[in-house]
Amino acid sequence: MLVPTHLTSSNLDVAGYRQGRLFIRFKSGCTYAYDHVPFECFQGLVAADSSGQFFHREIRGKYQYTKMEQDPFSGKD
């Protein structure tokens, strides 16, 4: 189970990080896993005044991603 870190965003809900994968659950309820993301990028996302702006600037379109069928924050992964 990932420990969710709540984000400051109108679109992003929570994020988590495990072994080079960044997990983001959007407020829509969908969760995506982004591969080969440096831990420093996760830290920047969490610390940003606007996580959404950080996501669009530093993550979106730069890392391969997969839509998760199960929510990794639920403890059922």
PDB file of N, CA and C in Angstrom:
ATOM      1  N   MET A   1       0.842  -1.191   0.000  1.00  0.00           N
ATOM      2  CA  MET A   1       0.000   0.000   0.000  1.00  0.00           C
ATOM      3  C   MET A   1       0.879   1.243   0.000  1.00  0.00           C
ATOM      4  N   LEU A   2       0.510   2.194  -0.812  1.00  0.00           N
ATOM      5  CA  LEU A   2       1.200   3.478  -0.841  1.00  0.00           C
ATOM      6  C   LEU A   2       0.584   4.404   0.194  1.00  0.00           C
ATOM      7  N   VAL A   3       1.425   5.205   0.791  1.00  0.00           N
ATOM      8  CA  VAL A   3       0.932   6.231   1.707  1.00  0.00           C
ATOM      9  C   VAL A   3       0.579   7.454   0.865  1.00  0.00           C
ATOM     10  N   PRO A   4      -0.688   7.871   0.873  1.00  0.00           N
ATOM     11  CA  PRO A   4      -1.065   9.022   0.043  1.00  0.00           C
ATOM     12  C   PRO A   4      -0.596  10.343   0.626  1.00  0.00           C
ATOM     13  N   THR A   5      -0.045  11.178  -0.219  1.00  0.00           N
ATOM     14  CA  THR A   5       0.327  12.537   0.141  1.00  0.00           C
ATOM     15  C   THR A   5      -0.636  13.465  -0.590  1.00  0.00           C
ATOM     16  N   HIS A   6      -1.434  14.206   0.145  1.00  0.00           N
ATOM     17  CA  HIS A   6      -2.430  15.084  -0.460  1.00  0.00           C
ATOM     18  C   HIS A   6      -1.765  16.270  -1.141  1.00  0.00           C
ATOM     19  N   LEU A   7      -2.314  16.643  -2.286  1.00  0.00           N
ATOM     20  CA  LEU A   7      -1.731  17.687  -3.117  1.00  0.00           C
ATOM     21  C   LEU A   7      -2.600  18.939  -3.127  1.00  0.00           C
ATOM     22  N   THR A   8      -1.954  20.076  -3.386  1.00  0.00           N
ATOM     23  CA  THR A   8      -2.644  21.351  -3.515  1.00  0.00           C
ATOM     24  C   THR A   8      -2.939  21.566  -4.990  1.00  0.00           C
ATOM     25  N   SER A   9      -4.152  21.190  -5.397  1.00  0.00           N
ATOM     26  CA  SER A   9      -4.513  21.269  -6.802  1.00  0.00           C
ATOM     27  C   SER A   9      -6.024  21.137  -6.947  1.00  0.00           C
ATOM     28  N   SER A  10      -6.555  21.745  -7.989  1.00  0.00           N
ATOM     29  CA  SER A  10      -7.976  21.575  -8.272  1.00  0.00           C
ATOM     30  C   SER A  10      -8.231  20.308  -9.074  1.00  0.00           C
ATOM     31  N   ASN A  11      -7.164  19.687  -9.615  1.00  0.00           N
ATOM     32  CA  ASN A  11      -7.309  18.510 -10.456  1.00  0.00           C
ATOM     33  C   ASN A  11      -6.655  17.255  -9.879  1.00  0.00           C
ATOM     34  N   LEU A  12      -5.567  17.418  -9.125  1.00  0.00           N
ATOM     35  CA  LEU A  12      -4.833  16.289  -8.556  1.00  0.00           C
ATOM     36  C   LEU A  12      -5.260  16.082  -7.107  1.00  0.00           C
ATOM     37  N   ASP A  13      -5.425  14.827  -6.722  1.00  0.00           N
ATOM     38  CA  ASP A  13      -5.878  14.518  -5.364  1.00  0.00           C
ATOM     39  C   ASP A  13      -4.708  14.122  -4.461  1.00  0.00           C
ATOM     40  N   VAL A  14      -4.093  12.979  -4.763  1.00  0.00           N
ATOM     41  CA  VAL A  14      -2.982  12.483  -3.941  1.00  0.00           C
ATOM     42  C   VAL A  14      -1.882  11.923  -4.832  1.00  0.00           C
ATOM     43  N   ALA A  15      -0.692  11.819  -4.251  1.00  0.00           N
ATOM     44  CA  ALA A  15       0.451  11.226  -4.951  1.00  0.00           C
ATOM     45  C   ALA A  15       1.168  10.290  -4.000  1.00  0.00           C
ATOM     46  N   GLY A  16       1.901   9.356  -4.577  1.00  0.00           N
ATOM     47  CA  GLY A  16       2.743   8.441  -3.820  1.00  0.00           C
ATOM     48  C   GLY A  16       3.915   8.041  -4.690  1.00  0.00           C
ATOM     49  N   TYR A  17       4.937   7.497  -4.066  1.00  0.00           N
ATOM     50  CA  TYR A  17       6.160   7.145  -4.798  1.00  0.00           C
ATOM     51  C   TYR A  17       6.696   5.826  -4.275  1.00  0.00           C
ATOM     52  N   ARG A  18       7.065   4.951  -5.219  1.00  0.00           N
ATOM     53  CA  ARG A  18       7.662   3.671  -4.835  1.00  0.00           C
ATOM     54  C   ARG A  18       8.552   3.180  -5.972  1.00  0.00           C
ATOM     55  N   GLN A  19       9.813   2.967  -5.667  1.00  0.00           N
ATOM     56  CA  GLN A  19      10.776   2.346  -6.577  1.00  0.00           C
ATOM     57  C   GLN A  19      10.757   2.940  -7.984  1.00  0.00           C
ATOM     58  N   GLY A  20      10.888   4.264  -8.070  1.00  0.00           N
ATOM     59  CA  GLY A  20      10.977   4.915  -9.362  1.00  0.00           C
ATOM     60  C   GLY A  20       9.657   5.162 -10.060  1.00  0.00           C
ATOM     61  N   ARG A  21       8.569   4.830  -9.401  1.00  0.00           N
ATOM     62  CA  ARG A  21       7.233   5.063  -9.987  1.00  0.00           C
ATOM     63  C   ARG A  21       6.484   6.097  -9.159  1.00  0.00           C
ATOM     64  N   LEU A  22       5.956   7.063  -9.862  1.00  0.00           N
ATOM     65  CA  LEU A  22       5.133   8.099  -9.259  1.00  0.00           C
ATOM     66  C   LEU A  22       3.675   7.755  -9.538  1.00  0.00           C
ATOM     67  N   PHE A  23       2.883   7.697  -8.500  1.00  0.00           N
ATOM     68  CA  PHE A  23       1.461   7.403  -8.621  1.00  0.00           C
ATOM     69  C   PHE A  23       0.682   8.670  -8.297  1.00  0.00           C
ATOM     70  N   ILE A  24      -0.231   9.032  -9.183  1.00  0.00           N
ATOM     71  CA  ILE A  24      -1.064  10.214  -8.960  1.00  0.00           C
ATOM     72  C   ILE A  24      -2.522   9.823  -9.147  1.00  0.00           C
ATOM     73  N   ARG A  25      -3.324  10.103  -8.118  1.00  0.00           N
ATOM     74  CA  ARG A  25      -4.769   9.943  -8.250  1.00  0.00           C
ATOM     75  C   ARG A  25      -5.369  11.315  -8.487  1.00  0.00           C
ATOM     76  N   PHE A  26      -6.121  11.410  -9.556  1.00  0.00           N
ATOM     77  CA  PHE A  26      -6.781  12.660  -9.913  1.00  0.00           C
ATOM     78  C   PHE A  26      -8.118  12.752  -9.181  1.00  0.00           C
ATOM     79  N   LYS A  27      -8.645  13.946  -9.093  1.00  0.00           N
ATOM     80  CA  LYS A  27      -9.921  14.142  -8.391  1.00  0.00           C
ATOM     81  C   LYS A  27     -11.054  13.405  -9.083  1.00  0.00           C
ATOM     82  N   SER A  28     -10.865  13.044 -10.341  1.00  0.00           N
ATOM     83  CA  SER A  28     -11.855  12.259 -11.083  1.00  0.00           C
ATOM     84  C   SER A  28     -11.950  10.832 -10.558  1.00  0.00           C
ATOM     85  N   GLY A  29     -10.913  10.420  -9.782  1.00  0.00           N
ATOM     86  CA  GLY A  29     -10.869   9.061  -9.253  1.00  0.00           C
ATOM     87  C   GLY A  29      -9.906   8.159  -9.986  1.00  0.00           C
ATOM     88  N   CYS A  30      -9.433   8.567 -11.162  1.00  0.00           N
ATOM     89  CA  CYS A  30      -8.476   7.768 -11.936  1.00  0.00           C
ATOM     90  C   CYS A  30      -7.072   7.930 -11.363  1.00  0.00           C
ATOM     91  N   THR A  31      -6.335   6.817 -11.347  1.00  0.00           N
ATOM     92  CA  THR A  31      -4.953   6.838 -10.868  1.00  0.00           C
ATOM     93  C   THR A  31      -4.030   6.393 -11.986  1.00  0.00           C
ATOM     94  N   TYR A  32      -2.921   7.102 -12.127  1.00  0.00           N
ATOM     95  CA  TYR A  32      -1.925   6.792 -13.141  1.00  0.00           C
ATOM     96  C   TYR A  32      -0.577   6.580 -12.470  1.00  0.00           C
ATOM     97  N   ALA A  33       0.216   5.658 -13.051  1.00  0.00           N
ATOM     98  CA  ALA A  33       1.580   5.409 -12.593  1.00  0.00           C
ATOM     99  C   ALA A  33       2.532   5.921 -13.670  1.00  0.00           C
ATOM    100  N   TYR A  34       3.470   6.758 -13.273  1.00  0.00           N
ATOM    101  CA  TYR A  34       4.470   7.336 -14.172  1.00  0.00           C
ATOM    102  C   TYR A  34       5.807   6.662 -13.885  1.00  0.00           C
ATOM    103  N   ASP A  35       6.438   6.134 -14.929  1.00  0.00           N
ATOM    104  CA  ASP A  35       7.653   5.328 -14.775  1.00  0.00           C
ATOM    105  C   ASP A  35       8.930   6.144 -14.850  1.00  0.00           C
ATOM    106  N   HIS A  36       9.936   5.681 -14.100  1.00  0.00           N
ATOM    107  CA  HIS A  36      11.294   6.242 -14.117  1.00  0.00           C
ATOM    108  C   HIS A  36      11.333   7.719 -13.720  1.00  0.00           C
ATOM    109  N   VAL A  37      10.528   8.074 -12.751  1.00  0.00           N
ATOM    110  CA  VAL A  37      10.478   9.443 -12.253  1.00  0.00           C
ATOM    111  C   VAL A  37      11.461   9.582 -11.090  1.00  0.00           C
ATOM    112  N   PRO A  38      12.365  10.543 -11.131  1.00  0.00           N
ATOM    113  CA  PRO A  38      13.291  10.735 -10.010  1.00  0.00           C
ATOM    114  C   PRO A  38      12.530  11.121  -8.732  1.00  0.00           C
ATOM    115  N   PHE A  39      13.041  10.670  -7.602  1.00  0.00           N
ATOM    116  CA  PHE A  39      12.407  10.976  -6.318  1.00  0.00           C
ATOM    117  C   PHE A  39      12.317  12.486  -6.105  1.00  0.00           C
ATOM    118  N   GLU A  40      13.308  13.226  -6.602  1.00  0.00           N
ATOM    119  CA  GLU A  40      13.308  14.682  -6.451  1.00  0.00           C
ATOM    120  C   GLU A  40      12.103  15.317  -7.157  1.00  0.00           C
ATOM    121  N   CYS A  41      11.654  14.693  -8.215  1.00  0.00           N
ATOM    122  CA  CYS A  41      10.476  15.181  -8.926  1.00  0.00           C
ATOM    123  C   CYS A  41       9.227  14.988  -8.061  1.00  0.00           C
ATOM    124  N   PHE A  42       9.115  13.850  -7.400  1.00  0.00           N
ATOM    125  CA  PHE A  42       8.008  13.616  -6.461  1.00  0.00           C
ATOM    126  C   PHE A  42       8.043  14.654  -5.344  1.00  0.00           C
ATOM    127  N   GLN A  43       9.220  14.899  -4.811  1.00  0.00           N
ATOM    128  CA  GLN A  43       9.351  15.893  -3.745  1.00  0.00           C
ATOM    129  C   GLN A  43       8.923  17.278  -4.220  1.00  0.00           C
ATOM    130  N   GLY A  44       9.289  17.629  -5.438  1.00  0.00           N
ATOM    131  CA  GLY A  44       8.901  18.916  -6.000  1.00  0.00           C
ATOM    132  C   GLY A  44       7.396  19.018  -6.179  1.00  0.00           C
ATOM    133  N   LEU A  45       6.771  17.937  -6.613  1.00  0.00           N
ATOM    134  CA  LEU A  45       5.320  17.911  -6.794  1.00  0.00           C
ATOM    135  C   LEU A  45       4.607  18.157  -5.473  1.00  0.00           C
ATOM    136  N   VAL A  46       5.060  17.487  -4.445  1.00  0.00           N
ATOM    137  CA  VAL A  46       4.439  17.591  -3.121  1.00  0.00           C
ATOM    138  C   VAL A  46       4.662  18.973  -2.510  1.00  0.00           C
ATOM    139  N   ALA A  47       5.823  19.549  -2.751  1.00  0.00           N
ATOM    140  CA  ALA A  47       6.172  20.832  -2.137  1.00  0.00           C
ATOM    141  C   ALA A  47       5.646  22.044  -2.905  1.00  0.00           C
ATOM    142  N   ALA A  48       5.214  21.845  -4.130  1.00  0.00           N
ATOM    143  CA  ALA A  48       4.814  22.967  -4.979  1.00  0.00           C
ATOM    144  C   ALA A  48       3.595  23.703  -4.427  1.00  0.00           C
ATOM    145  N   ASP A  49       3.578  25.017  -4.628  1.00  0.00           N
ATOM    146  CA  ASP A  49       2.409  25.815  -4.260  1.00  0.00           C
ATOM    147  C   ASP A  49       1.195  25.371  -5.072  1.00  0.00           C
ATOM    148  N   SER A  50       1.427  25.004  -6.317  1.00  0.00           N
ATOM    149  CA  SER A  50       0.387  24.452  -7.172  1.00  0.00           C
ATOM    150  C   SER A  50       0.900  23.144  -7.761  1.00  0.00           C
ATOM    151  N   SER A  51       0.437  22.036  -7.217  1.00  0.00           N
ATOM    152  CA  SER A  51       0.867  20.732  -7.721  1.00  0.00           C
ATOM    153  C   SER A  51       0.450  20.544  -9.173  1.00  0.00           C
ATOM    154  N   GLY A  52      -0.698  21.092  -9.539  1.00  0.00           N
ATOM    155  CA  GLY A  52      -1.169  20.969 -10.916  1.00  0.00           C
ATOM    156  C   GLY A  52      -0.239  21.649 -11.898  1.00  0.00           C
ATOM    157  N   GLN A  53       0.205  22.850 -11.568  1.00  0.00           N
ATOM    158  CA  GLN A  53       1.139  23.561 -12.445  1.00  0.00           C
ATOM    159  C   GLN A  53       2.460  22.811 -12.536  1.00  0.00           C
ATOM    160  N   PHE A  54       2.937  22.293 -11.405  1.00  0.00           N
ATOM    161  CA  PHE A  54       4.178  21.516 -11.405  1.00  0.00           C
ATOM    162  C   PHE A  54       4.015  20.286 -12.289  1.00  0.00           C
ATOM    163  N   PHE A  55       2.889  19.589 -12.149  1.00  0.00           N
ATOM    164  CA  PHE A  55       2.617  18.394 -12.945  1.00  0.00           C
ATOM    165  C   PHE A  55       2.676  18.712 -14.441  1.00  0.00           C
ATOM    166  N   HIS A  56       2.018  19.767 -14.854  1.00  0.00           N
ATOM    167  CA  HIS A  56       1.992  20.122 -16.278  1.00  0.00           C
ATOM    168  C   HIS A  56       3.364  20.558 -16.784  1.00  0.00           C
ATOM    169  N   ARG A  57       4.147  21.180 -15.939  1.00  0.00           N
ATOM    170  CA  ARG A  57       5.470  21.680 -16.333  1.00  0.00           C
ATOM    171  C   ARG A  57       6.542  20.588 -16.306  1.00  0.00           C
ATOM    172  N   GLU A  58       6.500  19.701 -15.315  1.00  0.00           N
ATOM    173  CA  GLU A  58       7.618  18.778 -15.076  1.00  0.00           C
ATOM    174  C   GLU A  58       7.328  17.295 -15.326  1.00  0.00           C
ATOM    175  N   ILE A  59       6.063  16.902 -15.412  1.00  0.00           N
ATOM    176  CA  ILE A  59       5.740  15.471 -15.488  1.00  0.00           C
ATOM    177  C   ILE A  59       4.959  15.116 -16.752  1.00  0.00           C
ATOM    178  N   ARG A  60       3.882  15.809 -16.991  1.00  0.00           N
ATOM    179  CA  ARG A  60       3.012  15.485 -18.115  1.00  0.00           C
ATOM    180  C   ARG A  60       3.787  15.536 -19.433  1.00  0.00           C
ATOM    181  N   GLY A  61       3.690  14.451 -20.195  1.00  0.00           N
ATOM    182  CA  GLY A  61       4.354  14.373 -21.488  1.00  0.00           C
ATOM    183  C   GLY A  61       5.831  14.036 -21.437  1.00  0.00           C
ATOM    184  N   LYS A  62       6.376  13.888 -20.230  1.00  0.00           N
ATOM    185  CA  LYS A  62       7.816  13.604 -20.097  1.00  0.00           C
ATOM    186  C   LYS A  62       8.103  12.176 -19.635  1.00  0.00           C
ATOM    187  N   TYR A  63       7.108  11.519 -19.076  1.00  0.00           N
ATOM    188  CA  TYR A  63       7.292  10.163 -18.556  1.00  0.00           C
ATOM    189  C   TYR A  63       6.186   9.256 -19.101  1.00  0.00           C
ATOM    190  N   GLN A  64       6.553   8.015 -19.377  1.00  0.00           N
ATOM    191  CA  GLN A  64       5.547   7.047 -19.786  1.00  0.00           C
ATOM    192  C   GLN A  64       4.640   6.757 -18.598  1.00  0.00           C
ATOM    193  N   TYR A  65       3.389   6.507 -18.882  1.00  0.00           N
ATOM    194  CA  TYR A  65       2.441   6.272 -17.794  1.00  0.00           C
ATOM    195  C   TYR A  65       1.478   5.146 -18.146  1.00  0.00           C
ATOM    196  N   THR A  66       0.867   4.628 -17.112  1.00  0.00           N
ATOM    197  CA  THR A  66      -0.123   3.573 -17.228  1.00  0.00           C
ATOM    198  C   THR A  66      -1.304   3.922 -16.344  1.00  0.00           C
ATOM    199  N   LYS A  67      -2.498   3.759 -16.869  1.00  0.00           N
ATOM    200  CA  LYS A  67      -3.693   3.946 -16.050  1.00  0.00           C
ATOM    201  C   LYS A  67      -3.857   2.698 -15.193  1.00  0.00           C
ATOM    202  N   MET A  68      -4.002   2.900 -13.900  1.00  0.00           N
ATOM    203  CA  MET A  68      -4.111   1.791 -12.954  1.00  0.00           C
ATOM    204  C   MET A  68      -5.544   1.260 -12.920  1.00  0.00           C
ATOM    205  N   GLU A  69      -5.687  -0.040 -12.947  1.00  0.00           N
ATOM    206  CA  GLU A  69      -7.007  -0.647 -12.832  1.00  0.00           C
ATOM    207  C   GLU A  69      -7.484  -0.642 -11.379  1.00  0.00           C
ATOM    208  N   GLN A  70      -6.533  -0.792 -10.463  1.00  0.00           N
ATOM    209  CA  GLN A  70      -6.841  -0.760  -9.029  1.00  0.00           C
ATOM    210  C   GLN A  70      -6.105   0.404  -8.400  1.00  0.00           C
ATOM    211  N   ASP A  71      -6.717   0.990  -7.412  1.00  0.00           N
ATOM    212  CA  ASP A  71      -6.124   2.135  -6.721  1.00  0.00           C
ATOM    213  C   ASP A  71      -5.010   1.640  -5.789  1.00  0.00           C
ATOM    214  N   PRO A  72      -3.744   1.999  -6.062  1.00  0.00           N
ATOM    215  CA  PRO A  72      -2.645   1.532  -5.206  1.00  0.00           C
ATOM    216  C   PRO A  72      -2.668   2.138  -3.818  1.00  0.00           C
ATOM    217  N   PHE A  73      -3.492   3.161  -3.605  1.00  0.00           N
ATOM    218  CA  PHE A  73      -3.606   3.787  -2.282  1.00  0.00           C
ATOM    219  C   PHE A  73      -4.606   3.058  -1.384  1.00  0.00           C
ATOM    220  N   SER A  74      -5.355   2.119  -1.960  1.00  0.00           N
ATOM    221  CA  SER A  74      -6.398   1.435  -1.202  1.00  0.00           C
ATOM    222  C   SER A  74      -5.873   0.282  -0.364  1.00  0.00           C
ATOM    223  N   GLY A  75      -4.649  -0.164  -0.635  1.00  0.00           N
ATOM    224  CA  GLY A  75      -4.096  -1.282   0.115  1.00  0.00           C
ATOM    225  C   GLY A  75      -4.439  -2.626  -0.503  1.00  0.00           C
ATOM    226  N   LYS A  76      -5.065  -2.616  -1.678  1.00  0.00           N
ATOM    227  CA  LYS A  76      -5.463  -3.853  -2.348  1.00  0.00           C
ATOM    228  C   LYS A  76      -4.596  -4.162  -3.546  1.00  0.00           C
ATOM    229  N   ASP A  77      -3.442  -3.483  -3.671  1.00  0.00           N
ATOM    230  CA  ASP A  77      -2.586  -3.742  -4.851  1.00  0.00           C
ATOM    231  C   ASP A  77      -1.782  -4.948  -4.573  1.00  0.00           C
TER     232      ASP A  77
END
